[in-house]
Amino acid sequence: MQPERETLPEPALPGHVPCRHSQTPFEARPIRFASIPEACRPSGSSARLEGGHAGGMDAGVPRRYERAVVEMDDDHFHDQCGVFGVFGAKEASNLAYLGLHSLQHRGQEAAGIVSSNGEQLFVHRGMGLVQDVFTADQLDKLPGSSAIGHVRYTTAGGSHIKNAQPLAVDCGHGSIAVAHNGNLTNGLALRHQLERDGSIFASDSDTEVFVHLIARSKAQTMVDRVADALHQVEGAYSLVFLSPDELVAVRDPYGFRPLCLGELDGGYVLASEPPAFQLIGAKYIRDIEPGELVVINKDGLRSVRPFRTDPERRHMCIFEYVYFARPDASFDGISVYDARKRMGRALFEDQPVDADMVVPVPDSGVAAALGYAEAAGIPFELGLIRSHYVGRTFIEPAQSIRHFGVRLKLHPVLSLLEGKRVVVVDDSIVRGTTSRKIVKMIRDAGATEVHLRISSPPTSWPCFYGIDTPTREELIAAHKSVDEVNEYVTADSLGYLSLDGLKRAVGGDGFCSACFSGRYPIPITDELAPRRQLPLVGV
């Protein structure tokens, strides 16, 4: 099986070469990509404005910036992906484009769509936001009534075009594409075994393991080949597969990552979150169950259960409710917005304090701050205003500005904060660097007291199930007590929501909370996998 190939040094090639339907192995056609906007290129490209031509600047002009680019790290966990699928609908690629736009918060580094006209697959992927990767002309070159799409935030694999999804290949079984939200805990071990058996990988992403396992399967149907591959992997996954005539969606037996089903004009749609349905006028039907595999083709929809499932094994990521998901989303009938307000009320019960106002860290702290203010009976105020026009990097002037990154994103309302005792509500503390800057900003704005309240427990453990997290050594709560963290962030007091309070807010058990407790539902096999050499890097 020859995986998808790309010509990295030639970014100006045509963006849409269809996958040829082949019944012979080792006959995959190269998939080429349109030019990548310079501002959207991954780290290491000339977009960093260091040395040579960049952004129209003449190389002979003296440098005006000592630190050309500042990384806009918001010190939060990040979900790595969002997936979307549609079958049996006109303008499927346009619908996928809109669906991915609704899921943009789940990944901003790369986006892609694979469509099918019933005979072959068509592919376009690129680095950057959805609206930057796709134009109307490009969408016109993705024909057909079915499509899958993906937005990516890097976890397994690096920030590089070769790791953008959906992955699309030709193999002995025909053409297939896959988009993946999650992370395999035995992905490296499987990759090592596949490479020893002669498989050649074109990306660093663990998603490509699925493609190789499906290509090697002896099963007769696409559904059976997918099920065969799933029985060999461990970890977290919500997946959508597309062949020329069929769409398959599956959620892992633990249900770590969400996946939802909807209906649109007699066709079907799938998405990581239900708000993607609202934008395109689709009707939400239900969540895909943990361990469920859904097959959609010209004969309709059918559900398959390739795994033994137990309600006690449900471990949906609790951080979906804390931070990742849009506030207008609902999972299993539980509103994310309502859950976050309940977190705020529980936070006040756990960590009350006398104050004049409650101020959220926008946008993720807004609902919890509302709940805290209601429970405390004190005013809720928008004392921090967020700029919505700041990207992930920004040029800093040579004269360094204190707390430059945070000041670009958040602006204090001086007339509200001056002379007030302020409760600041945020969803989490990861390294503590951003919290420290926010506390200092509010104090500099004239607040007499700053009390920091966090609507989740201390984050002490990294995630191995599809969330971009630092190492445990980088997590401030892993090696500091609450008092020591408070001393670092320089607040007058610091209080976290208890794990029991968080569980009450989201409806009880049935969630993975390993980042708070260190209790991992699935062993991390890849810690024992053989070390691999560093991957090739295209420049």
Protein backbone atom coordinates (compact mmCIF):
# COMPACT_ATOMS: atom_id res chain seq x y z
CA MET A 1 0.00 0.00 0.00
CA GLN A 2 1.43 3.35 -1.04
CA PRO A 3 0.25 6.13 1.28
CA GLU A 4 -0.58 9.62 0.13
CA ARG A 5 2.38 11.53 -1.26
CA GLU A 6 2.97 15.26 -1.48
CA THR A 7 5.47 17.48 -3.25
CA LEU A 8 6.50 19.76 -0.40
CA PRO A 9 8.99 22.09 -2.16
CA GLU A 10 6.47 23.03 -4.90
CA PRO A 11 3.62 24.88 -3.14
CA ALA A 12 2.23 26.49 -6.29
CA LEU A 13 0.99 23.29 -7.91
CA PRO A 14 -2.70 22.70 -8.73
CA GLY A 15 -4.67 21.87 -5.60
CA HIS A 16 -7.02 19.15 -6.78
CA VAL A 17 -5.80 15.93 -8.34
CA PRO A 18 -8.47 13.25 -7.77
CA CYS A 19 -7.58 9.95 -6.12
CA ARG A 20 -7.70 7.37 -8.92
CA HIS A 21 -9.70 4.31 -8.05
CA SER A 22 -7.20 1.46 -8.21
CA GLN A 23 -7.50 -2.24 -7.45
CA THR A 24 -3.76 -2.86 -7.42
CA PRO A 25 -1.47 -2.09 -4.48
CA PHE A 26 1.33 0.47 -4.68
CA GLU A 27 -0.52 2.59 -7.24
CA ALA A 28 -1.53 5.66 -5.26
CA ARG A 29 -1.45 8.88 -7.27
CA PRO A 30 0.23 11.94 -5.76
CA ILE A 31 -2.12 14.44 -4.13
CA ARG A 32 -0.86 17.96 -4.66
CA PHE A 33 -1.84 21.07 -2.82
CA ALA A 34 -2.51 24.67 -3.70
CA SER A 35 -0.10 27.30 -2.48
CA ILE A 36 -0.09 27.90 1.26
CA PRO A 37 -0.62 31.54 2.32
CA GLU A 38 2.62 32.78 3.82
CA ALA A 39 0.90 33.87 7.01
CA CYS A 40 -0.45 30.34 7.44
CA ARG A 41 2.78 28.43 6.97
CA PRO A 42 3.95 26.25 9.84
CA SER A 43 6.69 27.24 12.26
CA GLY A 44 10.06 27.38 10.59
CA SER A 45 8.92 29.03 7.35
CA SER A 46 9.70 32.56 6.21
CA ALA A 47 6.50 33.69 7.92
CA ARG A 48 8.60 34.21 11.05
CA LEU A 49 10.10 37.35 9.44
CA GLU A 50 13.60 36.36 10.44
CA GLY A 51 16.24 36.73 7.73
CA GLY A 52 15.42 37.30 4.07
CA HIS A 53 12.22 38.28 2.32
CA ALA A 54 9.03 37.96 4.33
CA GLY A 55 5.72 39.75 4.10
CA GLY A 56 7.04 42.07 1.38
CA MET A 57 9.96 43.33 3.50
CA ASP A 58 13.23 43.97 1.66
CA ALA A 59 16.11 41.88 2.94
CA GLY A 60 18.43 44.88 2.68
CA VAL A 61 16.43 47.03 5.05
CA PRO A 62 17.75 47.03 8.63
CA ARG A 63 15.63 44.95 10.99
CA ARG A 64 13.03 47.00 12.85
CA TYR A 65 12.18 44.28 15.36
CA GLU A 66 14.33 42.55 17.93
CA ARG A 67 11.70 39.88 18.63
CA ALA A 68 9.92 39.62 15.33
CA VAL A 69 7.15 37.20 16.27
CA VAL A 70 5.47 36.57 19.62
CA GLU A 71 3.63 33.28 20.09
CA MET A 72 0.13 33.97 21.39
CA ASP A 73 0.05 31.14 23.95
CA ASP A 74 -3.16 31.33 25.94
CA ASP A 75 -1.96 28.70 28.45
CA HIS A 76 -4.97 26.41 27.92
CA PHE A 77 -5.36 22.79 26.98
CA HIS A 78 -6.35 22.41 23.32
CA ASP A 79 -8.49 19.78 21.69
CA GLN A 80 -6.60 18.60 18.64
CA CYS A 81 -9.31 18.04 16.04
CA GLY A 82 -12.82 18.40 14.76
CA VAL A 83 -14.42 16.10 12.20
CA PHE A 84 -17.40 16.48 9.88
CA GLY A 85 -19.14 14.17 7.42
CA VAL A 86 -22.07 14.42 4.99
CA PHE A 87 -23.71 11.84 2.74
CA GLY A 88 -26.55 12.22 0.23
CA ALA A 89 -26.65 16.02 0.01
CA LYS A 90 -26.19 18.51 -2.80
CA GLU A 91 -23.02 20.60 -2.60
CA ALA A 92 -21.54 18.27 0.00
CA SER A 93 -18.15 20.01 -0.01
CA ASN A 94 -19.79 23.40 0.66
CA LEU A 95 -21.69 21.89 3.57
CA ALA A 96 -18.45 20.38 4.89
CA TYR A 97 -16.78 23.79 4.59
CA LEU A 98 -19.53 25.40 6.69
CA GLY A 99 -19.47 22.55 9.19
CA LEU A 100 -15.72 22.91 9.64
CA HIS A 101 -16.15 26.64 10.16
CA SER A 102 -18.45 25.84 13.10
CA LEU A 103 -15.76 23.51 14.47
CA GLN A 104 -12.87 25.93 13.96
CA HIS A 105 -12.35 26.29 17.73
CA ARG A 106 -11.27 22.64 17.84
CA GLY A 107 -8.27 23.20 15.57
CA GLN A 108 -6.72 26.15 13.77
CA GLU A 109 -3.49 24.79 12.27
CA ALA A 110 -4.81 22.94 9.22
CA ALA A 111 -8.04 22.03 7.45
CA GLY A 112 -9.08 19.66 4.70
CA ILE A 113 -12.01 18.18 2.78
CA VAL A 114 -12.31 14.98 0.76
CA SER A 115 -15.41 14.61 -1.45
CA SER A 116 -16.83 11.81 -3.59
CA ASN A 117 -18.92 11.90 -6.76
CA GLY A 118 -19.76 8.20 -6.38
CA GLU A 119 -16.81 7.02 -8.46
CA GLN A 120 -13.67 8.64 -7.07
CA LEU A 121 -12.38 10.89 -4.28
CA PHE A 122 -11.25 14.52 -4.58
CA VAL A 123 -8.94 16.13 -2.03
CA HIS A 124 -7.91 19.56 -0.85
CA ARG A 125 -5.98 20.31 2.35
CA GLY A 126 -3.90 23.21 3.58
CA MET A 127 -2.37 24.97 6.56
CA GLY A 128 -4.36 27.69 8.29
CA LEU A 129 -7.97 28.52 9.09
CA VAL A 130 -10.87 27.07 7.11
CA GLN A 131 -11.64 30.37 5.39
CA ASP A 132 -7.99 30.68 4.32
CA VAL A 133 -7.61 27.11 3.06
CA PHE A 134 -10.74 27.07 0.87
CA THR A 135 -12.00 29.43 -1.81
CA ALA A 136 -15.19 29.18 -3.89
CA ASP A 137 -13.17 27.94 -6.88
CA GLN A 138 -11.50 25.26 -4.77
CA LEU A 139 -14.83 24.05 -3.40
CA ASP A 140 -16.17 23.82 -6.97
CA LYS A 141 -13.38 21.33 -7.66
CA LEU A 142 -14.62 19.05 -4.85
CA PRO A 143 -17.73 17.57 -6.54
CA GLY A 144 -20.21 15.04 -5.29
CA SER A 145 -22.94 14.40 -2.73
CA SER A 146 -20.70 13.07 0.05
CA ALA A 147 -17.69 14.52 1.85
CA ILE A 148 -15.68 14.40 5.06
CA GLY A 149 -13.70 17.25 6.59
CA HIS A 150 -11.20 17.90 9.36
CA VAL A 151 -9.71 20.77 11.35
CA ARG A 152 -6.49 20.08 13.19
CA TYR A 153 -4.61 21.25 16.24
CA THR A 154 -1.35 19.34 16.54
CA THR A 155 -0.93 16.56 19.11
CA ALA A 156 0.55 13.39 17.58
CA GLY A 157 2.70 14.48 14.65
CA GLY A 158 3.94 18.00 14.03
CA SER A 159 2.54 21.18 12.52
CA HIS A 160 3.15 20.34 8.87
CA ILE A 161 1.12 19.95 5.69
CA LYS A 162 1.90 16.23 5.55
CA ASN A 163 -0.04 15.76 8.80
CA ALA A 164 -3.13 17.66 7.62
CA GLN A 165 -6.28 15.58 7.28
CA PRO A 166 -8.36 13.88 5.97
CA LEU A 167 -5.76 11.38 4.81
CA ALA A 168 -6.70 9.93 1.41
CA VAL A 169 -5.03 6.98 -0.32
CA ASP A 170 -5.47 4.30 -2.97
CA CYS A 171 -4.77 0.71 -1.97
CA GLY A 172 -5.65 -2.77 -3.13
CA HIS A 173 -9.18 -2.37 -1.78
CA GLY A 174 -9.75 0.94 -3.63
CA SER A 175 -9.78 4.57 -2.50
CA ILE A 176 -10.38 5.53 1.12
CA ALA A 177 -10.10 8.70 3.22
CA VAL A 178 -10.15 9.11 7.00
CA ALA A 179 -10.46 12.00 9.48
CA HIS A 180 -9.65 11.38 13.14
CA ASN A 181 -10.31 13.17 16.42
CA GLY A 182 -8.38 11.58 19.26
CA ASN A 183 -5.08 9.87 19.96
CA LEU A 184 -3.97 6.24 19.93
CA THR A 185 -2.21 5.06 23.07
CA ASN A 186 -0.57 2.21 21.15
CA GLY A 187 -0.05 4.15 17.91
CA LEU A 188 3.75 4.21 18.10
CA ALA A 189 3.93 0.51 18.92
CA LEU A 190 1.69 -0.34 15.96
CA ARG A 191 3.66 1.94 13.68
CA HIS A 192 6.91 0.30 14.72
CA GLN A 193 5.48 -3.13 13.92
CA LEU A 194 4.08 -1.99 10.57
CA GLU A 195 7.40 -0.41 9.58
CA ARG A 196 9.24 -3.60 10.50
CA ASP A 197 6.84 -5.42 8.17
CA GLY A 198 7.67 -3.04 5.33
CA SER A 199 5.00 -0.32 5.54
CA ILE A 200 6.06 3.16 4.47
CA PHE A 201 4.53 6.13 6.30
CA ALA A 202 4.06 9.52 4.66
CA SER A 203 3.12 11.46 7.82
CA ASP A 204 3.91 11.62 11.52
CA SER A 205 0.24 11.33 12.51
CA ASP A 206 -1.06 8.25 14.31
CA THR A 207 -4.12 8.47 12.04
CA GLU A 208 -2.10 6.88 9.24
CA VAL A 209 -1.93 3.69 11.29
CA PHE A 210 -5.64 3.18 10.55
CA VAL A 211 -4.99 3.42 6.81
CA HIS A 212 -2.27 0.77 6.90
CA LEU A 213 -4.29 -1.60 9.04
CA ILE A 214 -7.29 -1.29 6.71
CA ALA A 215 -5.11 -1.84 3.63
CA ARG A 216 -3.63 -5.01 5.15
CA SER A 217 -7.00 -6.43 6.23
CA LYS A 218 -8.24 -9.61 4.50
CA ALA A 219 -11.90 -8.74 5.17
CA GLN A 220 -14.20 -8.43 2.15
CA THR A 221 -16.14 -5.22 2.89
CA MET A 222 -15.08 -1.74 3.89
CA VAL A 223 -17.04 -1.99 7.14
CA ASP A 224 -15.39 -5.28 8.10
CA ARG A 225 -11.95 -3.90 7.22
CA VAL A 226 -12.56 -0.86 9.42
CA ALA A 227 -13.76 -3.08 12.26
CA ASP A 228 -10.69 -5.30 11.79
CA ALA A 229 -8.42 -2.27 12.16
CA LEU A 230 -10.31 -0.95 15.19
CA HIS A 231 -9.81 -4.19 17.09
CA GLN A 232 -6.04 -3.65 16.87
CA VAL A 233 -5.89 -0.07 18.15
CA GLU A 234 -6.21 1.33 21.66
CA GLY A 235 -6.99 4.84 22.78
CA ALA A 236 -9.40 7.61 21.92
CA TYR A 237 -10.96 8.08 18.50
CA SER A 238 -13.96 9.49 16.75
CA LEU A 239 -13.50 8.70 13.06
CA VAL A 240 -15.18 9.33 9.75
CA PHE A 241 -14.17 7.23 6.72
CA LEU A 242 -15.16 7.92 3.11
CA SER A 243 -14.98 5.60 0.11
CA PRO A 244 -16.42 6.48 -3.31
CA ASP A 245 -19.83 5.07 -2.35
CA GLU A 246 -19.97 4.83 1.45
CA LEU A 247 -19.43 6.84 4.63
CA VAL A 248 -18.52 5.12 7.90
CA ALA A 249 -18.37 6.79 11.32
CA VAL A 250 -17.23 5.22 14.59
CA ARG A 251 -16.62 6.21 18.19
CA ASP A 252 -14.25 4.31 20.49
CA PRO A 253 -15.73 1.98 23.15
CA TYR A 254 -15.00 4.49 25.94
CA GLY A 255 -16.52 7.44 24.10
CA PHE A 256 -13.61 9.76 24.91
CA ARG A 257 -14.25 12.14 22.04
CA PRO A 258 -17.73 13.27 20.97
CA LEU A 259 -19.44 12.48 17.66
CA CYS A 260 -23.01 13.42 16.73
CA LEU A 261 -25.48 12.39 14.02
CA GLY A 262 -27.89 14.66 12.14
CA GLU A 263 -30.27 14.61 9.17
CA LEU A 264 -30.48 17.01 6.22
CA ASP A 265 -33.03 16.72 3.39
CA GLY A 266 -33.00 12.93 3.37
CA GLY A 267 -29.21 12.73 3.77
CA TYR A 268 -27.10 12.40 6.89
CA VAL A 269 -24.46 14.55 8.57
CA LEU A 270 -21.93 13.85 11.32
CA ALA A 271 -19.94 16.30 13.42
CA SER A 272 -17.87 16.56 16.57
CA GLU A 273 -20.43 19.04 17.96
CA PRO A 274 -24.14 19.68 17.20
CA PRO A 275 -23.78 23.45 16.48
CA ALA A 276 -22.24 22.45 13.13
CA PHE A 277 -25.70 21.15 12.19
CA GLN A 278 -27.49 24.39 13.03
CA LEU A 279 -25.41 26.44 10.61
CA ILE A 280 -26.34 24.26 7.62
CA GLY A 281 -29.99 23.75 8.60
CA ALA A 282 -29.58 20.09 9.59
CA LYS A 283 -31.57 18.44 12.40
CA TYR A 284 -29.70 16.87 15.31
CA ILE A 285 -30.75 13.23 15.81
CA ARG A 286 -28.52 11.84 18.56
CA ASP A 287 -24.98 11.24 19.75
CA ILE A 288 -23.12 8.27 18.30
CA GLU A 289 -22.86 5.78 21.16
CA PRO A 290 -19.49 4.65 22.53
CA GLY A 291 -18.41 1.60 20.54
CA GLU A 292 -20.96 2.22 17.78
CA LEU A 293 -20.10 2.09 14.09
CA VAL A 294 -22.52 3.78 11.66
CA VAL A 295 -22.62 2.88 7.96
CA ILE A 296 -24.27 5.26 5.47
CA ASN A 297 -24.71 4.44 1.78
CA LYS A 298 -27.38 4.44 -0.95
CA ASP A 299 -29.41 1.92 1.08
CA GLY A 300 -29.63 4.27 4.06
CA LEU A 301 -28.13 4.13 7.55
CA ARG A 302 -27.40 1.12 9.70
CA SER A 303 -25.70 0.75 13.07
CA VAL A 304 -23.09 -1.92 13.85
CA ARG A 305 -21.66 -2.87 17.24
CA PRO A 306 -18.18 -4.31 16.63
CA PHE A 307 -17.21 -4.07 20.32
CA ARG A 308 -18.58 -5.30 23.58
CA THR A 309 -19.63 -2.16 25.42
CA ASP A 310 -20.41 -1.58 29.06
CA PRO A 311 -22.03 1.61 30.41
CA GLU A 312 -19.48 1.47 33.24
CA ARG A 313 -16.70 1.94 30.66
CA ARG A 314 -18.00 5.32 29.45
CA HIS A 315 -15.27 7.91 29.84
CA MET A 316 -16.13 10.95 27.75
CA CYS A 317 -13.56 13.70 28.28
CA ILE A 318 -14.88 15.96 31.04
CA PHE A 319 -12.84 18.85 29.65
CA GLU A 320 -15.31 19.09 26.76
CA TYR A 321 -17.66 20.68 29.29
CA VAL A 322 -14.97 22.71 31.03
CA TYR A 323 -13.39 24.34 27.98
CA PHE A 324 -13.19 22.56 24.61
CA ALA A 325 -16.77 22.50 23.34
CA ARG A 326 -18.74 25.52 22.19
CA PRO A 327 -21.09 26.78 24.93
CA ASP A 328 -24.08 26.25 22.62
CA ALA A 329 -23.26 22.53 22.26
CA SER A 330 -25.00 19.68 24.08
CA PHE A 331 -23.81 16.10 24.57
CA ASP A 332 -26.07 13.28 25.74
CA GLY A 333 -28.73 15.86 26.55
CA ILE A 334 -26.44 17.93 28.79
CA SER A 335 -26.03 21.57 27.75
CA VAL A 336 -22.43 22.77 27.88
CA TYR A 337 -23.55 26.31 28.78
CA ASP A 338 -25.78 25.11 31.63
CA ALA A 339 -23.04 22.79 32.91
CA ARG A 340 -20.55 25.68 33.02
CA LYS A 341 -23.01 27.83 34.95
CA ARG A 342 -23.45 24.98 37.44
CA MET A 343 -19.66 24.80 37.73
CA GLY A 344 -19.67 28.47 38.71
CA ARG A 345 -22.35 27.95 41.35
CA ALA A 346 -20.49 24.92 42.75
CA LEU A 347 -17.27 26.96 42.70
CA PHE A 348 -18.86 29.59 44.96
CA GLU A 349 -20.06 26.86 47.31
CA ASP A 350 -16.53 25.44 47.44
CA GLN A 351 -14.61 28.74 47.41
CA PRO A 352 -16.67 31.75 48.60
CA VAL A 353 -15.08 35.18 49.07
CA ASP A 354 -16.30 38.70 49.88
CA ALA A 355 -15.98 40.88 46.78
CA ASP A 356 -17.63 43.70 44.84
CA MET A 357 -17.89 42.03 41.43
CA VAL A 358 -17.23 38.89 39.42
CA VAL A 359 -15.22 39.25 36.20
CA PRO A 360 -14.75 36.41 33.69
CA VAL A 361 -11.65 35.74 31.65
CA PRO A 362 -13.29 35.81 28.21
CA ASP A 363 -14.53 33.83 26.52
CA SER A 364 -14.15 30.50 28.32
CA GLY A 365 -14.82 31.84 31.81
CA VAL A 366 -18.06 33.70 31.04
CA ALA A 367 -20.69 31.05 31.85
CA ALA A 368 -18.95 29.91 35.05
CA ALA A 369 -18.56 33.54 36.17
CA LEU A 370 -22.29 34.08 35.64
CA GLY A 371 -23.04 31.08 37.83
CA TYR A 372 -20.61 32.27 40.51
CA ALA A 373 -22.10 35.77 40.53
CA GLU A 374 -25.66 34.42 40.79
CA ALA A 375 -24.72 32.17 43.71
CA ALA A 376 -22.76 34.92 45.45
CA GLY A 377 -25.42 37.60 44.86
CA ILE A 378 -22.87 40.13 43.58
CA PRO A 379 -22.68 41.86 40.18
CA PHE A 380 -21.28 40.17 37.09
CA GLU A 381 -19.20 42.61 35.04
CA LEU A 382 -17.24 42.40 31.80
CA GLY A 383 -14.13 43.91 33.33
CA LEU A 384 -11.88 42.33 30.68
CA ILE A 385 -12.59 42.91 26.99
CA ARG A 386 -11.16 40.43 24.53
CA SER A 387 -9.77 41.42 21.15
CA HIS A 388 -11.19 39.12 18.44
CA TYR A 389 -8.63 40.17 15.83
CA VAL A 390 -5.44 38.68 17.24
CA GLY A 391 -4.02 35.56 15.58
CA ARG A 392 -1.68 33.00 17.05
CA THR A 393 1.41 35.16 16.40
CA PHE A 394 2.02 38.90 16.41
CA ILE A 395 4.93 41.26 15.71
CA GLU A 396 6.29 42.90 18.84
CA PRO A 397 8.06 46.29 18.70
CA ALA A 398 11.73 46.50 19.59
CA GLN A 399 10.89 48.43 22.76
CA SER A 400 9.58 45.49 24.77
CA ILE A 401 6.12 45.92 26.27
CA ARG A 402 5.41 44.27 29.62
CA HIS A 403 2.99 41.32 29.29
CA PHE A 404 2.70 42.12 25.57
CA GLY A 405 0.87 38.93 24.54
CA VAL A 406 -1.86 39.18 27.17
CA ARG A 407 -2.31 42.93 26.58
CA LEU A 408 -2.95 42.25 22.89
CA LYS A 409 -5.78 39.86 23.72
CA LEU A 410 -7.33 41.32 26.88
CA HIS A 411 -8.08 44.91 27.83
CA PRO A 412 -9.17 45.96 31.36
CA VAL A 413 -12.11 48.34 31.79
CA LEU A 414 -10.51 50.85 34.16
CA SER A 415 -13.74 52.55 35.23
CA LEU A 416 -15.16 49.22 36.44
CA LEU A 417 -12.09 47.83 38.21
CA GLU A 418 -10.64 50.85 40.00
CA GLY A 419 -11.08 50.62 43.75
CA LYS A 420 -12.97 47.29 43.60
CA ARG A 421 -12.52 43.87 45.15
CA VAL A 422 -12.61 41.59 42.12
CA VAL A 423 -13.24 37.85 41.71
CA VAL A 424 -11.69 36.68 38.42
CA VAL A 425 -13.11 33.40 37.06
CA ASP A 426 -11.23 31.26 34.54
CA ASP A 427 -11.72 27.66 33.45
CA SER A 428 -8.26 26.26 34.26
CA ILE A 429 -4.63 26.95 35.10
CA VAL A 430 -2.04 25.02 33.08
CA ARG A 431 1.40 26.60 33.51
CA GLY A 432 0.17 29.64 35.41
CA THR A 433 1.92 32.19 33.20
CA THR A 434 -1.24 33.73 31.74
CA SER A 435 -3.06 33.76 35.08
CA ARG A 436 -0.16 35.65 36.64
CA LYS A 437 -0.28 38.30 33.91
CA ILE A 438 -4.06 38.70 34.17
CA VAL A 439 -3.91 39.17 37.94
CA LYS A 440 -1.22 41.82 37.55
CA MET A 441 -3.19 43.55 34.77
CA ILE A 442 -6.31 43.83 36.92
CA ARG A 443 -4.31 45.05 39.90
CA ASP A 444 -2.58 47.64 37.72
CA ALA A 445 -6.05 48.79 36.61
CA GLY A 446 -6.75 49.86 40.19
CA ALA A 447 -8.41 46.83 41.81
CA THR A 448 -7.81 46.74 45.56
CA GLU A 449 -8.12 42.93 45.76
CA VAL A 450 -7.89 40.20 43.09
CA HIS A 451 -9.27 36.76 43.96
CA LEU A 452 -8.72 34.06 41.34
CA ARG A 453 -11.31 31.30 41.05
CA ILE A 454 -10.94 28.31 38.69
CA SER A 455 -14.01 26.35 37.54
CA SER A 456 -12.14 23.02 37.45
CA PRO A 457 -9.79 21.13 39.80
CA PRO A 458 -6.01 21.57 39.69
CA THR A 459 -4.65 20.17 36.41
CA SER A 460 -1.85 17.88 37.55
CA TRP A 461 -1.57 15.19 34.86
CA PRO A 462 -1.09 15.22 31.07
CA CYS A 463 -3.67 13.80 28.67
CA PHE A 464 -2.90 10.90 26.30
CA TYR A 465 -6.32 10.73 24.65
CA GLY A 466 -6.22 13.51 22.06
CA ILE A 467 -5.60 16.70 24.01
CA ASP A 468 -2.55 18.90 23.51
CA THR A 469 -1.08 19.13 27.01
CA PRO A 470 2.35 19.97 28.40
CA THR A 471 4.47 17.39 30.19
CA ARG A 472 3.72 16.84 33.85
CA GLU A 473 6.82 18.81 34.76
CA GLU A 474 5.32 21.86 33.04
CA LEU A 475 1.97 21.65 34.83
CA ILE A 476 2.21 24.03 37.76
CA ALA A 477 -0.29 22.12 39.92
CA ALA A 478 1.76 18.91 39.55
CA HIS A 479 4.56 20.21 41.75
CA LYS A 480 3.09 23.14 43.68
CA SER A 481 0.43 23.30 46.36
CA VAL A 482 -2.56 25.63 45.95
CA ASP A 483 -0.87 28.17 48.25
CA GLU A 484 2.33 27.96 46.19
CA VAL A 485 0.41 28.41 42.93
CA ASN A 486 -1.35 31.41 44.45
CA GLU A 487 2.00 32.89 45.46
CA TYR A 488 3.18 32.51 41.86
CA VAL A 489 0.10 34.11 40.25
CA THR A 490 0.20 36.89 42.93
CA ALA A 491 -3.55 36.82 43.67
CA ASP A 492 -5.02 37.71 47.07
CA SER A 493 -6.55 34.23 47.10
CA LEU A 494 -6.88 31.24 44.80
CA GLY A 495 -9.63 28.64 44.81
CA TYR A 496 -10.35 25.64 42.58
CA LEU A 497 -13.59 23.74 42.01
CA SER A 498 -13.43 20.30 43.61
CA LEU A 499 -13.59 17.19 41.44
CA ASP A 500 -16.82 16.18 43.17
CA GLY A 501 -18.28 19.62 42.41
CA LEU A 502 -17.28 19.31 38.76
CA LYS A 503 -18.87 15.88 38.46
CA ARG A 504 -22.09 17.17 40.00
CA ALA A 505 -22.14 20.00 37.47
CA VAL A 506 -21.91 17.63 34.48
CA GLY A 507 -24.30 15.01 35.80
CA GLY A 508 -22.22 12.51 37.76
CA ASP A 509 -19.77 9.82 36.70
CA GLY A 510 -19.09 8.42 33.22
CA PHE A 511 -16.31 10.88 32.37
CA CYS A 512 -12.55 10.75 32.00
CA SER A 513 -10.95 13.07 34.54
CA ALA A 514 -7.40 11.70 34.34
CA CYS A 515 -5.89 15.19 33.93
CA PHE A 516 -7.15 15.94 37.46
CA SER A 517 -6.86 12.55 39.16
CA GLY A 518 -4.07 10.71 37.32
CA ARG A 519 -6.36 7.68 36.91
CA TYR A 520 -6.10 6.70 33.23
CA PRO A 521 -8.83 4.39 31.87
CA ILE A 522 -6.50 2.91 29.20
CA PRO A 523 -2.83 2.03 29.81
CA ILE A 524 -0.35 4.13 27.84
CA THR A 525 1.33 1.45 25.71
CA ASP A 526 3.37 3.93 23.69
CA GLU A 527 5.56 4.72 26.69
CA LEU A 528 7.08 1.27 26.08
CA ALA A 529 7.34 1.61 22.31
CA PRO A 530 10.83 1.62 20.74
CA ARG A 531 12.29 5.04 20.09
CA ARG A 532 12.07 6.16 16.47
CA GLN A 533 14.54 8.35 14.62
CA LEU A 534 13.53 11.95 14.02
CA PRO A 535 11.20 12.30 11.02
CA LEU A 536 12.15 13.99 7.77
CA VAL A 537 11.27 17.67 7.69
CA GLY A 538 10.29 19.51 4.51
CA VAL A 539 11.45 23.13 4.27
